[in-house]
């Protein structure tokens, strides 16, 4: 958080992941002031390979758009 605060006051701090797979990071993130946002990961097993897909990028884009429209005082993402 101290590194990010060089760019200004931190208003929102969120971390996006499938927290079922990365739960070891939950406590340190929350202790640092981050809100964990759960995003489901999908696994597709096809022809001996496994495809992993999630919608983290889409979730971040949607929430960044909503924040930019609803909080005019936030200028940096």
PDB file of N, CA and C in Angstrom:
ATOM      1  N   UNK A   1       0.818  -1.190   0.000  1.00  0.00           N
ATOM      2  CA  UNK A   1       0.000   0.000   0.000  1.00  0.00           C
ATOM      3  C   UNK A   1       0.861   1.253   0.000  1.00  0.00           C
ATOM      4  N   UNK A   2       2.012   1.196   0.671  1.00  0.00           N
ATOM      5  CA  UNK A   2       2.864   2.377   0.698  1.00  0.00           C
ATOM      6  C   UNK A   2       3.384   2.711  -0.703  1.00  0.00           C
ATOM      7  N   UNK A   3       3.670   1.687  -1.507  1.00  0.00           N
ATOM      8  CA  UNK A   3       4.127   1.935  -2.875  1.00  0.00           C
ATOM      9  C   UNK A   3       3.042   2.633  -3.680  1.00  0.00           C
ATOM     10  N   UNK A   4       1.790   2.157  -3.573  1.00  0.00           N
ATOM     11  CA  UNK A   4       0.682   2.754  -4.314  1.00  0.00           C
ATOM     12  C   UNK A   4       0.373   4.163  -3.831  1.00  0.00           C
ATOM     13  N   UNK A   5       0.561   4.425  -2.560  1.00  0.00           N
ATOM     14  CA  UNK A   5       0.222   5.745  -2.014  1.00  0.00           C
ATOM     15  C   UNK A   5       1.127   6.848  -2.557  1.00  0.00           C
ATOM     16  N   UNK A   6       2.214   6.501  -3.231  1.00  0.00           N
ATOM     17  CA  UNK A   6       3.058   7.509  -3.876  1.00  0.00           C
ATOM     18  C   UNK A   6       2.294   8.258  -4.967  1.00  0.00           C
ATOM     19  N   UNK A   7       1.232   7.650  -5.484  1.00  0.00           N
ATOM     20  CA  UNK A   7       0.473   8.236  -6.582  1.00  0.00           C
ATOM     21  C   UNK A   7      -0.727   9.037  -6.102  1.00  0.00           C
ATOM     22  N   UNK A   8      -0.965   9.079  -4.807  1.00  0.00           N
ATOM     23  CA  UNK A   8      -2.081   9.820  -4.249  1.00  0.00           C
ATOM     24  C   UNK A   8      -2.772   9.031  -3.160  1.00  0.00           C
ATOM     25  N   UNK A   9      -3.848   9.592  -2.656  1.00  0.00           N
ATOM     26  CA  UNK A   9      -4.609   8.940  -1.586  1.00  0.00           C
ATOM     27  C   UNK A   9      -5.333   7.723  -2.151  1.00  0.00           C
ATOM     28  N   UNK A  10      -5.249   6.601  -1.466  1.00  0.00           N
ATOM     29  CA  UNK A  10      -5.909   5.370  -1.906  1.00  0.00           C
ATOM     30  C   UNK A  10      -7.345   5.387  -1.411  1.00  0.00           C
ATOM     31  N   UNK A  11      -8.276   5.306  -2.352  1.00  0.00           N
ATOM     32  CA  UNK A  11      -9.700   5.340  -2.020  1.00  0.00           C
ATOM     33  C   UNK A  11     -10.282   3.933  -2.067  1.00  0.00           C
ATOM     34  N   UNK A  12      -9.932   3.175  -3.086  1.00  0.00           N
ATOM     35  CA  UNK A  12     -10.380   1.791  -3.236  1.00  0.00           C
ATOM     36  C   UNK A  12      -9.174   0.899  -3.483  1.00  0.00           C
ATOM     37  N   UNK A  13      -9.118  -0.233  -2.811  1.00  0.00           N
ATOM     38  CA  UNK A  13      -8.050  -1.215  -3.039  1.00  0.00           C
ATOM     39  C   UNK A  13      -8.723  -2.577  -3.136  1.00  0.00           C
ATOM     40  N   UNK A  14      -8.711  -3.145  -4.326  1.00  0.00           N
ATOM     41  CA  UNK A  14      -9.378  -4.426  -4.554  1.00  0.00           C
ATOM     42  C   UNK A  14      -8.419  -5.398  -5.217  1.00  0.00           C
ATOM     43  N   UNK A  15      -8.570  -6.659  -4.893  1.00  0.00           N
ATOM     44  CA  UNK A  15      -7.767  -7.723  -5.494  1.00  0.00           C
ATOM     45  C   UNK A  15      -8.728  -8.768  -6.055  1.00  0.00           C
ATOM     46  N   UNK A  16      -8.575  -9.092  -7.331  1.00  0.00           N
ATOM     47  CA  UNK A  16      -9.497  -9.973  -8.042  1.00  0.00           C
ATOM     48  C   UNK A  16      -8.843 -11.325  -8.279  1.00  0.00           C
ATOM     49  N   UNK A  17      -9.541 -12.399  -7.880  1.00  0.00           N
ATOM     50  CA  UNK A  17      -9.018 -13.751  -8.108  1.00  0.00           C
ATOM     51  C   UNK A  17     -10.079 -14.767  -7.720  1.00  0.00           C
ATOM     52  N   UNK A  18      -9.800 -16.010  -8.047  1.00  0.00           N
ATOM     53  CA  UNK A  18     -10.582 -17.135  -7.533  1.00  0.00           C
ATOM     54  C   UNK A  18      -9.968 -17.467  -6.175  1.00  0.00           C
ATOM     55  N   UNK A  19     -10.531 -16.928  -5.115  1.00  0.00           N
ATOM     56  CA  UNK A  19      -9.936 -17.029  -3.794  1.00  0.00           C
ATOM     57  C   UNK A  19      -9.999 -18.429  -3.225  1.00  0.00           C
ATOM     58  N   UNK A  20     -10.768 -19.332  -3.830  1.00  0.00           N
ATOM     59  CA  UNK A  20     -10.724 -20.738  -3.417  1.00  0.00           C
ATOM     60  C   UNK A  20      -9.358 -21.331  -3.754  1.00  0.00           C
ATOM     61  N   UNK A  21      -8.783 -20.910  -4.857  1.00  0.00           N
ATOM     62  CA  UNK A  21      -7.488 -21.433  -5.298  1.00  0.00           C
ATOM     63  C   UNK A  21      -6.317 -20.665  -4.687  1.00  0.00           C
ATOM     64  N   UNK A  22      -6.549 -19.475  -4.192  1.00  0.00           N
ATOM     65  CA  UNK A  22      -5.461 -18.623  -3.697  1.00  0.00           C
ATOM     66  C   UNK A  22      -5.742 -18.115  -2.286  1.00  0.00           C
ATOM     67  N   UNK A  23      -6.384 -18.927  -1.473  1.00  0.00           N
ATOM     68  CA  UNK A  23      -6.830 -18.455  -0.153  1.00  0.00           C
ATOM     69  C   UNK A  23      -5.688 -18.116   0.800  1.00  0.00           C
ATOM     70  N   UNK A  24      -4.474 -18.567   0.530  1.00  0.00           N
ATOM     71  CA  UNK A  24      -3.341 -18.250   1.395  1.00  0.00           C
ATOM     72  C   UNK A  24      -3.045 -16.746   1.380  1.00  0.00           C
ATOM     73  N   UNK A  25      -3.488 -16.049   0.341  1.00  0.00           N
ATOM     74  CA  UNK A  25      -3.233 -14.611   0.214  1.00  0.00           C
ATOM     75  C   UNK A  25      -4.323 -13.742   0.834  1.00  0.00           C
ATOM     76  N   UNK A  26      -5.446 -14.335   1.210  1.00  0.00           N
ATOM     77  CA  UNK A  26      -6.576 -13.542   1.700  1.00  0.00           C
ATOM     78  C   UNK A  26      -6.244 -12.730   2.948  1.00  0.00           C
ATOM     79  N   UNK A  27      -5.704 -13.359   3.954  1.00  0.00           N
ATOM     80  CA  UNK A  27      -5.428 -12.661   5.208  1.00  0.00           C
ATOM     81  C   UNK A  27      -4.420 -11.527   5.023  1.00  0.00           C
ATOM     82  N   UNK A  28      -3.278 -11.760   4.346  1.00  0.00           N
ATOM     83  CA  UNK A  28      -2.351 -10.635   4.145  1.00  0.00           C
ATOM     84  C   UNK A  28      -2.947  -9.490   3.327  1.00  0.00           C
ATOM     85  N   UNK A  29      -3.753  -9.829   2.307  1.00  0.00           N
ATOM     86  CA  UNK A  29      -4.384  -8.778   1.507  1.00  0.00           C
ATOM     87  C   UNK A  29      -5.336  -7.939   2.338  1.00  0.00           C
ATOM     88  N   UNK A  30      -6.176  -8.611   3.110  1.00  0.00           N
ATOM     89  CA  UNK A  30      -7.131  -7.889   3.940  1.00  0.00           C
ATOM     90  C   UNK A  30      -6.418  -7.076   5.019  1.00  0.00           C
ATOM     91  N   UNK A  31      -5.339  -7.604   5.567  1.00  0.00           N
ATOM     92  CA  UNK A  31      -4.572  -6.865   6.573  1.00  0.00           C
ATOM     93  C   UNK A  31      -3.930  -5.614   5.976  1.00  0.00           C
ATOM     94  N   UNK A  32      -3.669  -5.649   4.681  1.00  0.00           N
ATOM     95  CA  UNK A  32      -3.089  -4.494   3.987  1.00  0.00           C
ATOM     96  C   UNK A  32      -4.142  -3.509   3.502  1.00  0.00           C
ATOM     97  N   UNK A  33      -5.419  -3.835   3.693  1.00  0.00           N
ATOM     98  CA  UNK A  33      -6.480  -2.912   3.313  1.00  0.00           C
ATOM     99  C   UNK A  33      -7.149  -3.198   1.988  1.00  0.00           C
ATOM    100  N   UNK A  34      -6.821  -4.326   1.362  1.00  0.00           N
ATOM    101  CA  UNK A  34      -7.451  -4.690   0.095  1.00  0.00           C
ATOM    102  C   UNK A  34      -8.762  -5.422   0.339  1.00  0.00           C
ATOM    103  N   UNK A  35      -9.745  -5.178  -0.527  1.00  0.00           N
ATOM    104  CA  UNK A  35     -10.989  -5.949  -0.525  1.00  0.00           C
ATOM    105  C   UNK A  35     -10.846  -7.052  -1.565  1.00  0.00           C
ATOM    106  N   UNK A  36     -10.934  -8.322  -1.149  1.00  0.00           N
ATOM    107  CA  UNK A  36     -10.857  -9.396  -2.136  1.00  0.00           C
ATOM    108  C   UNK A  36     -12.169  -9.521  -2.902  1.00  0.00           C
ATOM    109  N   UNK A  37     -12.088  -9.567  -4.223  1.00  0.00           N
ATOM    110  CA  UNK A  37     -13.252  -9.736  -5.079  1.00  0.00           C
ATOM    111  C   UNK A  37     -13.141 -11.122  -5.720  1.00  0.00           C
ATOM    112  N   UNK A  38     -14.120 -11.966  -5.447  1.00  0.00           N
ATOM    113  CA  UNK A  38     -14.094 -13.331  -5.963  1.00  0.00           C
ATOM    114  C   UNK A  38     -14.541 -13.362  -7.421  1.00  0.00           C
ATOM    115  N   UNK A  39     -13.731 -13.998  -8.271  1.00  0.00           N
ATOM    116  CA  UNK A  39     -14.063 -14.201  -9.673  1.00  0.00           C
ATOM    117  C   UNK A  39     -13.857 -15.686  -9.967  1.00  0.00           C
ATOM    118  N   UNK A  40     -14.892 -16.335 -10.452  1.00  0.00           N
ATOM    119  CA  UNK A  40     -14.847 -17.770 -10.702  1.00  0.00           C
ATOM    120  C   UNK A  40     -13.868 -18.110 -11.817  1.00  0.00           C
ATOM    121  N   UNK A  41     -13.140 -19.219 -11.638  1.00  0.00           N
ATOM    122  CA  UNK A  41     -12.265 -19.759 -12.673  1.00  0.00           C
ATOM    123  C   UNK A  41     -12.918 -21.009 -13.236  1.00  0.00           C
ATOM    124  N   UNK A  42     -12.913 -21.112 -14.556  1.00  0.00           N
ATOM    125  CA  UNK A  42     -13.485 -22.268 -15.235  1.00  0.00           C
ATOM    126  C   UNK A  42     -12.362 -23.092 -15.853  1.00  0.00           C
ATOM    127  N   UNK A  43     -12.475 -24.400 -15.722  1.00  0.00           N
ATOM    128  CA  UNK A  43     -11.498 -25.321 -16.297  1.00  0.00           C
ATOM    129  C   UNK A  43     -12.186 -26.145 -17.368  1.00  0.00           C
ATOM    130  N   UNK A  44     -11.615 -26.188 -18.551  1.00  0.00           N
ATOM    131  CA  UNK A  44     -12.153 -26.962 -19.658  1.00  0.00           C
ATOM    132  C   UNK A  44     -11.096 -27.983 -20.060  1.00  0.00           C
ATOM    133  N   UNK A  45     -11.396 -29.259 -19.820  1.00  0.00           N
ATOM    134  CA  UNK A  45     -10.474 -30.337 -20.168  1.00  0.00           C
ATOM    135  C   UNK A  45     -10.856 -30.848 -21.546  1.00  0.00           C
ATOM    136  N   UNK A  46      -9.930 -30.681 -22.512  1.00  0.00           N
ATOM    137  CA  UNK A  46     -10.238 -31.045 -23.886  1.00  0.00           C
ATOM    138  C   UNK A  46      -8.987 -31.618 -24.551  1.00  0.00           C
ATOM    139  N   UNK A  47      -9.090 -32.802 -25.095  1.00  0.00           N
ATOM    140  CA  UNK A  47      -7.992 -33.442 -25.830  1.00  0.00           C
ATOM    141  C   UNK A  47      -6.696 -33.507 -25.027  1.00  0.00           C
ATOM    142  N   UNK A  48      -6.791 -33.804 -23.744  1.00  0.00           N
ATOM    143  CA  UNK A  48      -5.607 -33.945 -22.905  1.00  0.00           C
ATOM    144  C   UNK A  48      -5.023 -32.655 -22.397  1.00  0.00           C
ATOM    145  N   UNK A  49      -5.574 -31.539 -22.790  1.00  0.00           N
ATOM    146  CA  UNK A  49      -5.077 -30.262 -22.281  1.00  0.00           C
ATOM    147  C   UNK A  49      -6.157 -29.598 -21.441  1.00  0.00           C
ATOM    148  N   UNK A  50      -5.727 -28.704 -20.604  1.00  0.00           N
ATOM    149  CA  UNK A  50      -6.659 -27.994 -19.734  1.00  0.00           C
ATOM    150  C   UNK A  50      -6.612 -26.509 -20.054  1.00  0.00           C
ATOM    151  N   UNK A  51      -7.767 -25.953 -20.388  1.00  0.00           N
ATOM    152  CA  UNK A  51      -7.884 -24.515 -20.591  1.00  0.00           C
ATOM    153  C   UNK A  51      -8.426 -23.893 -19.315  1.00  0.00           C
ATOM    154  N   UNK A  52      -7.805 -22.827 -18.885  1.00  0.00           N
ATOM    155  CA  UNK A  52      -8.255 -22.111 -17.700  1.00  0.00           C
ATOM    156  C   UNK A  52      -8.752 -20.754 -18.159  1.00  0.00           C
ATOM    157  N   UNK A  53      -9.955 -20.402 -17.716  1.00  0.00           N
ATOM    158  CA  UNK A  53     -10.555 -19.132 -18.127  1.00  0.00           C
ATOM    159  C   UNK A  53     -11.233 -18.491 -16.924  1.00  0.00           C
ATOM    160  N   UNK A  54     -11.037 -17.194 -16.794  1.00  0.00           N
ATOM    161  CA  UNK A  54     -11.798 -16.431 -15.807  1.00  0.00           C
ATOM    162  C   UNK A  54     -12.155 -15.086 -16.429  1.00  0.00           C
ATOM    163  N   UNK A  55     -12.906 -14.311 -15.702  1.00  0.00           N
ATOM    164  CA  UNK A  55     -13.367 -13.035 -16.232  1.00  0.00           C
ATOM    165  C   UNK A  55     -12.834 -11.868 -15.403  1.00  0.00           C
ATOM    166  N   UNK A  56     -11.621 -12.022 -14.866  1.00  0.00           N
ATOM    167  CA  UNK A  56     -11.045 -10.960 -14.037  1.00  0.00           C
ATOM    168  C   UNK A  56     -10.927  -9.665 -14.825  1.00  0.00           C
ATOM    169  N   UNK A  57     -10.419  -9.744 -16.050  1.00  0.00           N
ATOM    170  CA  UNK A  57     -10.247  -8.525 -16.844  1.00  0.00           C
ATOM    171  C   UNK A  57     -11.569  -7.819 -17.093  1.00  0.00           C
ATOM    172  N   UNK A  58     -12.605  -8.583 -17.365  1.00  0.00           N
ATOM    173  CA  UNK A  58     -13.930  -7.995 -17.596  1.00  0.00           C
ATOM    174  C   UNK A  58     -14.489  -7.391 -16.310  1.00  0.00           C
ATOM    175  N   UNK A  59     -14.309  -8.073 -15.189  1.00  0.00           N
ATOM    176  CA  UNK A  59     -14.791  -7.575 -13.898  1.00  0.00           C
ATOM    177  C   UNK A  59     -14.102  -6.257 -13.542  1.00  0.00           C
ATOM    178  N   UNK A  60     -12.793  -6.176 -13.768  1.00  0.00           N
ATOM    179  CA  UNK A  60     -12.059  -4.945 -13.486  1.00  0.00           C
ATOM    180  C   UNK A  60     -12.544  -3.814 -14.392  1.00  0.00           C
ATOM    181  N   UNK A  61     -12.759  -4.107 -15.674  1.00  0.00           N
ATOM    182  CA  UNK A  61     -13.225  -3.076 -16.616  1.00  0.00           C
ATOM    183  C   UNK A  61     -14.600  -2.551 -16.226  1.00  0.00           C
ATOM    184  N   UNK A  62     -15.499  -3.443 -15.854  1.00  0.00           N
ATOM    185  CA  UNK A  62     -16.854  -3.032 -15.462  1.00  0.00           C
ATOM    186  C   UNK A  62     -16.807  -2.175 -14.203  1.00  0.00           C
ATOM    187  N   UNK A  63     -16.052  -2.622 -13.204  1.00  0.00           N
ATOM    188  CA  UNK A  63     -15.995  -1.865 -11.961  1.00  0.00           C
ATOM    189  C   UNK A  63     -15.252  -0.538 -12.129  1.00  0.00           C
ATOM    190  N   UNK A  64     -14.201  -0.497 -12.946  1.00  0.00           N
ATOM    191  CA  UNK A  64     -13.492   0.762 -13.194  1.00  0.00           C
ATOM    192  C   UNK A  64     -14.404   1.761 -13.891  1.00  0.00           C
ATOM    193  N   UNK A  65     -15.218   1.280 -14.827  1.00  0.00           N
ATOM    194  CA  UNK A  65     -16.174   2.155 -15.505  1.00  0.00           C
ATOM    195  C   UNK A  65     -17.203   2.692 -14.524  1.00  0.00           C
ATOM    196  N   UNK A  66     -17.731   1.823 -13.674  1.00  0.00           N
ATOM    197  CA  UNK A  66     -18.720   2.250 -12.678  1.00  0.00           C
ATOM    198  C   UNK A  66     -18.119   3.257 -11.710  1.00  0.00           C
ATOM    199  N   UNK A  67     -16.896   3.014 -11.250  1.00  0.00           N
ATOM    200  CA  UNK A  67     -16.244   3.942 -10.326  1.00  0.00           C
ATOM    201  C   UNK A  67     -16.002   5.283 -11.005  1.00  0.00           C
ATOM    202  N   UNK A  68     -15.540   5.263 -12.253  1.00  0.00           N
ATOM    203  CA  UNK A  68     -15.265   6.532 -12.939  1.00  0.00           C
ATOM    204  C   UNK A  68     -16.534   7.349 -13.167  1.00  0.00           C
ATOM    205  N   UNK A  69     -17.670   6.680 -13.315  1.00  0.00           N
ATOM    206  CA  UNK A  69     -18.940   7.393 -13.504  1.00  0.00           C
ATOM    207  C   UNK A  69     -19.533   7.877 -12.181  1.00  0.00           C
ATOM    208  N   UNK A  70     -19.320   7.127 -11.115  1.00  0.00           N
ATOM    209  CA  UNK A  70     -19.970   7.430  -9.840  1.00  0.00           C
ATOM    210  C   UNK A  70     -19.112   8.222  -8.862  1.00  0.00           C
ATOM    211  N   UNK A  71     -17.797   8.259  -9.081  1.00  0.00           N
ATOM    212  CA  UNK A  71     -16.892   8.952  -8.175  1.00  0.00           C
ATOM    213  C   UNK A  71     -15.980   9.869  -8.990  1.00  0.00           C
ATOM    214  N   UNK A  72     -16.457  11.056  -9.284  1.00  0.00           N
ATOM    215  CA  UNK A  72     -15.704  11.992 -10.125  1.00  0.00           C
ATOM    216  C   UNK A  72     -14.388  12.428  -9.468  1.00  0.00           C
ATOM    217  N   UNK A  73     -14.270  12.277  -8.153  1.00  0.00           N
ATOM    218  CA  UNK A  73     -13.053  12.685  -7.475  1.00  0.00           C
ATOM    219  C   UNK A  73     -11.893  11.700  -7.688  1.00  0.00           C
ATOM    220  N   UNK A  74     -12.156  10.479  -8.147  1.00  0.00           N
ATOM    221  CA  UNK A  74     -11.096   9.499  -8.408  1.00  0.00           C
ATOM    222  C   UNK A  74     -10.577   9.719  -9.826  1.00  0.00           C
ATOM    223  N   UNK A  75      -9.296  10.032  -9.913  1.00  0.00           N
ATOM    224  CA  UNK A  75      -8.686  10.367 -11.201  1.00  0.00           C
ATOM    225  C   UNK A  75      -7.654   9.343 -11.666  1.00  0.00           C
ATOM    226  N   UNK A  76      -7.162   8.491 -10.775  1.00  0.00           N
ATOM    227  CA  UNK A  76      -6.110   7.541 -11.114  1.00  0.00           C
ATOM    228  C   UNK A  76      -6.577   6.125 -10.788  1.00  0.00           C
ATOM    229  N   UNK A  77      -6.337   5.208 -11.718  1.00  0.00           N
ATOM    230  CA  UNK A  77      -6.716   3.815 -11.510  1.00  0.00           C
ATOM    231  C   UNK A  77      -5.486   2.945 -11.612  1.00  0.00           C
TER     232      UNK A  77
END
